[in-house]
N, C-alpha and C. Protein backbone atom coordinates (compact mmCIF):
# COMPACT_ATOMS: atom_id res chain seq x y z
N MET A 1 0.96 -1.18 -0.03
CA MET A 1 0.03 0.02 -0.02
C MET A 1 0.90 1.27 0.00
N ASN A 2 0.54 2.16 -0.89
CA ASN A 2 1.40 3.36 -0.98
C ASN A 2 0.68 4.53 -0.19
N THR A 3 1.11 4.58 1.02
CA THR A 3 0.44 5.52 1.98
C THR A 3 0.45 7.01 1.40
N LYS A 4 1.59 7.42 0.93
CA LYS A 4 1.73 8.83 0.51
C LYS A 4 0.74 9.12 -0.59
N LYS A 5 0.65 8.19 -1.54
CA LYS A 5 -0.36 8.43 -2.70
C LYS A 5 -1.75 8.44 -2.23
N ILE A 6 -2.08 7.60 -1.30
CA ILE A 6 -3.42 7.47 -0.65
C ILE A 6 -3.79 8.82 0.08
N LEU A 7 -2.80 9.27 0.82
CA LEU A 7 -2.95 10.49 1.65
C LEU A 7 -3.13 11.75 0.74
N THR A 8 -2.22 11.85 -0.27
CA THR A 8 -2.37 12.95 -1.21
C THR A 8 -3.65 12.97 -2.06
N GLY A 9 -3.91 11.73 -2.59
CA GLY A 9 -5.07 11.51 -3.39
C GLY A 9 -6.38 11.76 -2.62
N GLY A 10 -6.41 11.17 -1.42
CA GLY A 10 -7.62 11.33 -0.51
C GLY A 10 -7.82 12.76 -0.12
N LEU A 11 -6.75 13.45 0.19
CA LEU A 11 -6.83 14.87 0.56
C LEU A 11 -7.38 15.67 -0.62
N ALA A 12 -6.75 15.48 -1.78
CA ALA A 12 -7.11 16.15 -2.96
C ALA A 12 -8.58 15.96 -3.36
N GLY A 13 -9.00 14.68 -3.24
CA GLY A 13 -10.37 14.33 -3.49
C GLY A 13 -11.40 14.88 -2.51
N GLY A 14 -11.00 14.93 -1.22
CA GLY A 14 -11.86 15.49 -0.16
C GLY A 14 -12.10 17.05 -0.43
N VAL A 15 -11.01 17.70 -0.75
CA VAL A 15 -11.18 19.17 -1.09
C VAL A 15 -12.00 19.36 -2.34
N ALA A 16 -11.73 18.51 -3.39
CA ALA A 16 -12.49 18.61 -4.63
C ALA A 16 -14.01 18.36 -4.37
N PHE A 17 -14.31 17.32 -3.53
CA PHE A 17 -15.72 17.05 -3.23
C PHE A 17 -16.40 18.23 -2.46
N LEU A 18 -15.61 18.77 -1.61
CA LEU A 18 -16.18 19.90 -0.83
C LEU A 18 -16.40 21.11 -1.65
N ILE A 19 -15.60 21.37 -2.52
CA ILE A 19 -15.70 22.54 -3.49
C ILE A 19 -16.82 22.26 -4.50
N LEU A 20 -16.75 21.03 -5.09
CA LEU A 20 -17.82 20.69 -6.00
C LEU A 20 -19.23 20.69 -5.39
N GLY A 21 -19.33 20.14 -4.16
CA GLY A 21 -20.65 20.02 -3.47
C GLY A 21 -21.11 21.49 -3.14
N GLY A 22 -20.25 22.39 -2.85
CA GLY A 22 -20.60 23.80 -2.60
C GLY A 22 -21.17 24.42 -3.92
N LEU A 23 -20.41 24.15 -5.02
CA LEU A 23 -20.78 24.82 -6.22
C LEU A 23 -22.11 24.19 -6.80
N VAL A 24 -22.17 22.87 -6.79
CA VAL A 24 -23.32 22.24 -7.41
C VAL A 24 -24.62 22.26 -6.53
N TYR A 25 -24.42 21.75 -5.32
CA TYR A 25 -25.60 21.71 -4.37
C TYR A 25 -25.88 23.14 -3.72
N GLY A 26 -24.82 23.75 -3.32
CA GLY A 26 -24.99 24.98 -2.63
C GLY A 26 -25.33 26.25 -3.43
N MET A 27 -24.98 26.24 -4.75
CA MET A 27 -25.23 27.29 -5.61
C MET A 27 -26.12 26.97 -6.73
N LEU A 28 -25.72 26.07 -7.70
CA LEU A 28 -26.41 25.76 -8.90
C LEU A 28 -27.81 25.09 -8.57
N LEU A 29 -27.86 24.21 -7.64
CA LEU A 29 -29.18 23.51 -7.38
C LEU A 29 -29.84 23.90 -6.08
N LYS A 30 -29.40 24.94 -5.43
CA LYS A 30 -29.88 25.31 -4.14
C LYS A 30 -31.40 25.48 -4.14
N ASP A 31 -31.89 26.31 -5.02
CA ASP A 31 -33.34 26.47 -5.08
C ASP A 31 -34.09 25.27 -5.46
N TYR A 32 -33.64 24.52 -6.40
CA TYR A 32 -34.29 23.23 -6.85
C TYR A 32 -34.32 22.22 -5.61
N MET A 33 -33.21 22.14 -4.95
CA MET A 33 -33.18 21.24 -3.79
C MET A 33 -34.11 21.73 -2.66
N ALA A 34 -34.26 23.02 -2.44
CA ALA A 34 -35.14 23.54 -1.37
C ALA A 34 -36.51 23.26 -1.78
N ALA A 35 -36.91 23.34 -3.08
CA ALA A 35 -38.26 23.21 -3.51
C ALA A 35 -38.68 21.72 -3.54
N ASN A 36 -37.66 20.77 -3.61
CA ASN A 36 -38.07 19.36 -3.82
C ASN A 36 -37.57 18.38 -2.69
N THR A 37 -37.17 18.96 -1.53
CA THR A 37 -36.80 18.22 -0.43
C THR A 37 -37.51 18.77 0.86
N ASN A 38 -37.68 17.85 1.75
CA ASN A 38 -38.35 18.28 3.03
C ASN A 38 -37.36 19.11 3.85
N GLN A 39 -37.75 20.39 3.91
CA GLN A 39 -36.84 21.31 4.64
C GLN A 39 -36.90 21.21 6.14
N CYS A 40 -37.76 20.54 6.65
CA CYS A 40 -37.98 20.30 8.10
C CYS A 40 -36.68 19.64 8.62
N ILE A 41 -35.98 18.94 7.90
CA ILE A 41 -34.86 18.14 8.43
C ILE A 41 -33.53 19.01 8.21
N MET A 42 -33.61 20.14 7.51
CA MET A 42 -32.39 20.86 7.19
C MET A 42 -32.03 21.85 8.24
N ARG A 43 -30.78 22.02 8.51
CA ARG A 43 -30.26 23.11 9.43
C ARG A 43 -30.25 24.35 8.56
N PRO A 44 -30.46 25.48 9.14
CA PRO A 44 -30.20 26.73 8.51
C PRO A 44 -28.68 26.86 8.24
N GLU A 45 -28.33 27.48 7.14
CA GLU A 45 -26.86 27.52 6.72
C GLU A 45 -25.94 28.05 7.89
N GLU A 46 -26.37 28.99 8.70
CA GLU A 46 -25.62 29.50 9.75
C GLU A 46 -25.38 28.49 10.87
N GLU A 47 -26.16 27.41 10.88
CA GLU A 47 -26.01 26.34 11.91
C GLU A 47 -25.28 25.07 11.45
N TRP A 48 -24.75 25.17 10.17
CA TRP A 48 -24.14 23.95 9.58
C TRP A 48 -22.91 23.61 10.47
N VAL A 49 -22.66 22.24 10.53
CA VAL A 49 -21.55 21.74 11.35
C VAL A 49 -20.39 21.45 10.35
N TRP A 50 -19.59 22.47 10.20
CA TRP A 50 -18.62 22.46 9.10
C TRP A 50 -17.60 21.25 9.25
N TRP A 51 -17.18 20.99 10.55
CA TRP A 51 -16.21 19.95 10.71
C TRP A 51 -16.73 18.62 10.22
N ALA A 52 -18.07 18.41 10.39
CA ALA A 52 -18.67 17.16 10.04
C ALA A 52 -18.77 17.06 8.45
N MET A 53 -19.09 18.18 7.88
CA MET A 53 -19.19 18.25 6.38
C MET A 53 -17.79 17.94 5.76
N ILE A 54 -16.73 18.57 6.40
CA ILE A 54 -15.35 18.32 5.94
C ILE A 54 -15.06 16.81 6.12
N MET A 55 -15.31 16.33 7.26
CA MET A 55 -15.02 14.87 7.52
C MET A 55 -15.68 13.99 6.43
N SER A 56 -16.94 14.28 6.18
CA SER A 56 -17.70 13.44 5.14
C SER A 56 -16.99 13.49 3.82
N ASN A 57 -16.64 14.67 3.38
CA ASN A 57 -15.92 14.78 2.09
C ASN A 57 -14.55 14.14 2.04
N LEU A 58 -13.85 14.33 3.16
CA LEU A 58 -12.54 13.61 3.27
C LEU A 58 -12.70 12.04 3.24
N ALA A 59 -13.67 11.62 3.96
CA ALA A 59 -13.94 10.15 4.00
C ALA A 59 -14.18 9.57 2.73
N TRP A 60 -15.00 10.24 1.89
CA TRP A 60 -15.31 9.79 0.45
C TRP A 60 -13.99 9.94 -0.37
N GLY A 61 -13.24 10.91 -0.26
CA GLY A 61 -11.99 11.07 -0.90
C GLY A 61 -11.03 9.91 -0.58
N PHE A 62 -10.90 9.62 0.75
CA PHE A 62 -9.95 8.60 1.09
C PHE A 62 -10.43 7.21 0.78
N LEU A 63 -11.78 6.91 0.88
CA LEU A 63 -12.37 5.70 0.51
C LEU A 63 -11.98 5.33 -0.99
N LEU A 64 -12.24 6.41 -1.86
CA LEU A 64 -11.87 6.18 -3.26
C LEU A 64 -10.40 6.00 -3.51
N ALA A 65 -9.55 6.81 -2.77
CA ALA A 65 -8.08 6.68 -2.96
C ALA A 65 -7.63 5.27 -2.54
N ILE A 66 -8.16 4.72 -1.45
CA ILE A 66 -7.83 3.34 -1.08
C ILE A 66 -8.20 2.36 -2.13
N ILE A 67 -9.39 2.40 -2.65
CA ILE A 67 -9.83 1.53 -3.70
C ILE A 67 -9.04 1.77 -4.95
N PHE A 68 -8.74 2.97 -5.34
CA PHE A 68 -7.88 3.13 -6.48
C PHE A 68 -6.50 2.61 -6.28
N ASN A 69 -5.96 2.60 -5.06
CA ASN A 69 -4.62 2.06 -4.82
C ASN A 69 -4.67 0.54 -5.02
N TRP A 70 -5.78 -0.09 -4.41
CA TRP A 70 -5.87 -1.51 -4.58
C TRP A 70 -6.04 -1.94 -5.99
N SER A 71 -6.69 -1.05 -6.76
CA SER A 71 -7.06 -1.43 -8.22
C SER A 71 -6.01 -0.89 -9.22
N ASN A 72 -5.00 -0.29 -8.67
CA ASN A 72 -3.96 0.39 -9.56
C ASN A 72 -4.61 1.40 -10.57
N ILE A 73 -5.55 2.11 -10.12
CA ILE A 73 -6.15 3.22 -10.99
C ILE A 73 -5.37 4.50 -10.65
N ASN A 74 -4.71 4.99 -11.79
CA ASN A 74 -3.87 6.23 -11.52
C ASN A 74 -3.89 7.15 -12.67
N THR A 75 -4.98 7.10 -13.46
CA THR A 75 -5.19 8.08 -14.49
C THR A 75 -6.55 8.78 -14.23
N ALA A 76 -6.68 9.96 -14.81
CA ALA A 76 -7.96 10.71 -14.53
C ALA A 76 -9.09 10.05 -15.11
N ALA A 77 -8.95 9.44 -16.35
CA ALA A 77 -10.01 8.68 -16.96
C ALA A 77 -10.44 7.47 -16.18
N GLY A 78 -9.50 6.74 -15.73
CA GLY A 78 -9.76 5.57 -14.88
C GLY A 78 -10.54 5.84 -13.55
N GLY A 79 -9.95 6.96 -12.95
CA GLY A 79 -10.62 7.43 -11.72
C GLY A 79 -12.01 8.01 -11.97
N ALA A 80 -12.20 8.67 -13.01
CA ALA A 80 -13.61 9.14 -13.30
C ALA A 80 -14.50 8.05 -13.52
N LYS A 81 -14.11 7.14 -14.27
CA LYS A 81 -15.02 5.97 -14.59
C LYS A 81 -15.36 5.17 -13.34
N ALA A 82 -14.30 4.72 -12.58
CA ALA A 82 -14.58 3.95 -11.33
C ALA A 82 -15.40 4.82 -10.30
N ALA A 83 -15.06 6.02 -10.16
CA ALA A 83 -15.81 6.90 -9.14
C ALA A 83 -17.31 7.10 -9.62
N ALA A 84 -17.48 7.23 -10.96
CA ALA A 84 -18.79 7.41 -11.46
C ALA A 84 -19.66 6.18 -11.14
N ILE A 85 -19.07 4.95 -11.22
CA ILE A 85 -19.88 3.67 -10.98
C ILE A 85 -20.13 3.73 -9.49
N PHE A 86 -19.13 3.93 -8.61
CA PHE A 86 -19.38 3.99 -7.18
C PHE A 86 -20.48 5.03 -6.83
N GLY A 87 -20.26 6.21 -7.34
CA GLY A 87 -21.25 7.26 -7.04
C GLY A 87 -22.68 6.91 -7.50
N LEU A 88 -22.74 6.33 -8.62
CA LEU A 88 -24.06 5.98 -9.12
C LEU A 88 -24.85 4.94 -8.15
N LEU A 89 -23.96 3.86 -7.87
CA LEU A 89 -24.50 2.83 -7.02
C LEU A 89 -24.79 3.24 -5.62
N ILE A 90 -23.86 3.98 -5.07
CA ILE A 90 -24.14 4.61 -3.70
C ILE A 90 -25.36 5.53 -3.72
N GLY A 91 -25.35 6.39 -4.74
CA GLY A 91 -26.53 7.34 -4.79
C GLY A 91 -27.84 6.58 -4.90
N ILE A 92 -27.95 5.64 -5.76
CA ILE A 92 -29.20 4.74 -5.86
C ILE A 92 -29.47 4.12 -4.55
N CYS A 93 -28.50 3.56 -3.94
CA CYS A 93 -28.73 2.88 -2.61
C CYS A 93 -29.25 3.86 -1.56
N TYR A 94 -28.66 5.03 -1.30
CA TYR A 94 -29.09 5.89 -0.28
C TYR A 94 -30.40 6.66 -0.71
N ASP A 95 -30.45 7.14 -1.95
CA ASP A 95 -31.53 7.93 -2.28
C ASP A 95 -32.79 7.13 -2.37
N MET A 96 -32.73 5.82 -2.76
CA MET A 96 -33.95 5.03 -2.82
C MET A 96 -34.33 4.62 -1.48
N LEU A 97 -33.33 4.41 -0.57
CA LEU A 97 -33.63 4.03 0.78
C LEU A 97 -34.31 5.22 1.43
N PHE A 98 -33.85 6.42 1.33
CA PHE A 98 -34.55 7.73 1.89
C PHE A 98 -35.96 7.89 1.21
N TYR A 99 -35.99 7.71 -0.01
CA TYR A 99 -37.27 7.79 -0.74
C TYR A 99 -38.36 6.77 -0.19
N SER A 100 -37.90 5.62 0.00
CA SER A 100 -38.77 4.53 0.51
C SER A 100 -39.30 4.73 1.92
N MET A 101 -38.45 5.30 2.83
CA MET A 101 -38.89 5.30 4.16
C MET A 101 -38.95 6.69 4.84
N SER A 102 -38.86 7.80 4.00
CA SER A 102 -38.87 9.10 4.61
C SER A 102 -39.65 10.01 3.73
N THR A 103 -39.75 11.23 4.17
CA THR A 103 -40.26 12.36 3.30
C THR A 103 -39.23 13.25 2.89
N MET A 104 -38.00 12.78 2.93
CA MET A 104 -36.88 13.64 2.50
C MET A 104 -37.02 14.23 1.06
N TYR A 105 -37.32 13.34 0.13
CA TYR A 105 -37.52 13.79 -1.21
C TYR A 105 -39.09 13.78 -1.58
N SER A 106 -39.45 14.96 -2.23
CA SER A 106 -40.85 15.12 -2.49
C SER A 106 -41.34 14.33 -3.65
N ASN A 107 -40.44 13.90 -4.59
CA ASN A 107 -40.83 13.19 -5.75
C ASN A 107 -39.75 12.27 -6.26
N LEU A 108 -40.02 11.38 -7.13
CA LEU A 108 -39.01 10.52 -7.69
C LEU A 108 -38.07 11.24 -8.66
N ASN A 109 -38.54 12.34 -9.27
CA ASN A 109 -37.66 13.02 -10.15
C ASN A 109 -36.43 13.65 -9.34
N MET A 110 -36.77 14.10 -8.10
CA MET A 110 -35.66 14.58 -7.28
C MET A 110 -34.67 13.56 -6.99
N VAL A 111 -35.12 12.33 -6.73
CA VAL A 111 -34.22 11.20 -6.52
C VAL A 111 -33.28 11.01 -7.74
N CYS A 112 -33.84 10.99 -8.91
CA CYS A 112 -33.11 10.78 -10.18
C CYS A 112 -32.10 11.97 -10.44
N ILE A 113 -32.50 13.15 -10.10
CA ILE A 113 -31.56 14.32 -10.26
C ILE A 113 -30.40 14.17 -9.31
N ASP A 114 -30.68 13.85 -7.98
CA ASP A 114 -29.66 13.67 -6.98
C ASP A 114 -28.71 12.60 -7.40
N VAL A 115 -29.21 11.41 -7.86
CA VAL A 115 -28.36 10.33 -8.27
C VAL A 115 -27.49 10.76 -9.48
N LEU A 116 -27.96 11.43 -10.40
CA LEU A 116 -27.25 11.90 -11.55
C LEU A 116 -26.19 12.88 -11.24
N VAL A 117 -26.58 13.88 -10.34
CA VAL A 117 -25.60 14.85 -9.95
C VAL A 117 -24.48 14.23 -9.08
N GLY A 118 -24.90 13.29 -8.16
CA GLY A 118 -23.99 12.64 -7.38
C GLY A 118 -22.91 11.85 -8.21
N THR A 119 -23.43 11.17 -9.25
CA THR A 119 -22.55 10.41 -10.19
C THR A 119 -21.54 11.34 -10.79
N VAL A 120 -22.00 12.52 -11.33
CA VAL A 120 -21.08 13.46 -12.06
C VAL A 120 -20.09 14.05 -10.99
N VAL A 121 -20.49 14.45 -9.87
CA VAL A 121 -19.54 14.99 -8.90
C VAL A 121 -18.57 13.86 -8.46
N SER A 122 -19.01 12.66 -8.32
CA SER A 122 -18.13 11.55 -7.90
C SER A 122 -17.04 11.35 -9.10
N ALA A 123 -17.54 11.32 -10.32
CA ALA A 123 -16.65 11.31 -11.47
C ALA A 123 -15.60 12.24 -11.51
N ILE A 124 -15.95 13.52 -11.30
CA ILE A 124 -14.99 14.66 -11.29
C ILE A 124 -13.93 14.48 -10.12
N GLY A 125 -14.50 14.25 -8.97
CA GLY A 125 -13.71 14.01 -7.81
C GLY A 125 -12.72 12.82 -7.94
N GLY A 126 -13.20 11.81 -8.55
CA GLY A 126 -12.48 10.51 -8.80
C GLY A 126 -11.36 10.79 -9.76
N ALA A 127 -11.61 11.64 -10.85
CA ALA A 127 -10.60 12.04 -11.75
C ALA A 127 -9.49 12.81 -11.04
N VAL A 128 -9.80 13.65 -10.10
CA VAL A 128 -8.81 14.44 -9.37
C VAL A 128 -7.99 13.50 -8.57
N ILE A 129 -8.62 12.61 -7.76
CA ILE A 129 -7.90 11.70 -6.98
C ILE A 129 -6.90 10.82 -7.71
N ALA A 130 -7.43 10.17 -8.85
CA ALA A 130 -6.55 9.32 -9.63
C ALA A 130 -5.35 10.10 -10.24
N ALA A 131 -5.73 11.26 -10.75
CA ALA A 131 -4.60 12.02 -11.40
C ALA A 131 -3.52 12.46 -10.38
N VAL A 132 -3.95 12.78 -9.15
CA VAL A 132 -3.00 13.15 -8.14
C VAL A 132 -2.19 11.87 -7.71
N MET A 133 -2.89 10.80 -7.62
CA MET A 133 -2.12 9.59 -7.29
C MET A 133 -1.25 9.07 -8.30
N GLY A 134 -1.53 9.36 -9.58
CA GLY A 134 -0.76 8.94 -10.72
C GLY A 134 0.42 9.91 -11.05
N MET A 135 0.50 11.10 -10.43
CA MET A 135 1.57 11.98 -10.68
C MET A 135 2.94 11.30 -10.37
N GLY A 136 3.81 11.51 -11.23
CA GLY A 136 5.15 10.98 -11.02
C GLY A 136 5.30 9.59 -11.49
N ASN A 137 4.22 8.90 -11.95
CA ASN A 137 4.40 7.57 -12.56
C ASN A 137 5.08 7.72 -13.92
N LYS A 138 5.94 6.80 -14.16
CA LYS A 138 6.63 6.75 -15.42
C LYS A 138 5.85 6.03 -16.35
N PRO A 139 5.65 6.40 -17.62
CA PRO A 139 4.94 5.71 -18.59
C PRO A 139 5.71 4.47 -18.96
N ALA A 140 4.91 3.36 -19.30
CA ALA A 140 5.54 2.15 -19.81
C ALA A 140 6.29 2.27 -21.08
N ALA A 141 7.45 1.66 -21.13
CA ALA A 141 8.28 1.75 -22.29
C ALA A 141 7.90 0.80 -23.37
């Protein structure tokens, strides 16, 4: 296991996920999310627990970095593909679970949008992770 590559890739991915999440969910989809999710469960922005949000994004980054290390994924394209698959499946898993047992999502369209967006965000973050982990690799002769 290459600890340095996992640490740098996981950290880069965590930062990428935090920034992408803020841009996509916090800016681009903010109004759509507010209109299509149960706001009773949401904290007001001024009460967000930032350390927990940061930990969540870092955990996703490190999880993918460990998987990429095990799988020898070290190119942006490979990272994007693998992370998109993981993001899609995890998104379906959690969003369908929430939809089935809660009032978090007001409609199935919201579930589909969230899964799609989560897949794209995961792919971009996965590309960052794999690219960082692949830096310094010598091309095969």
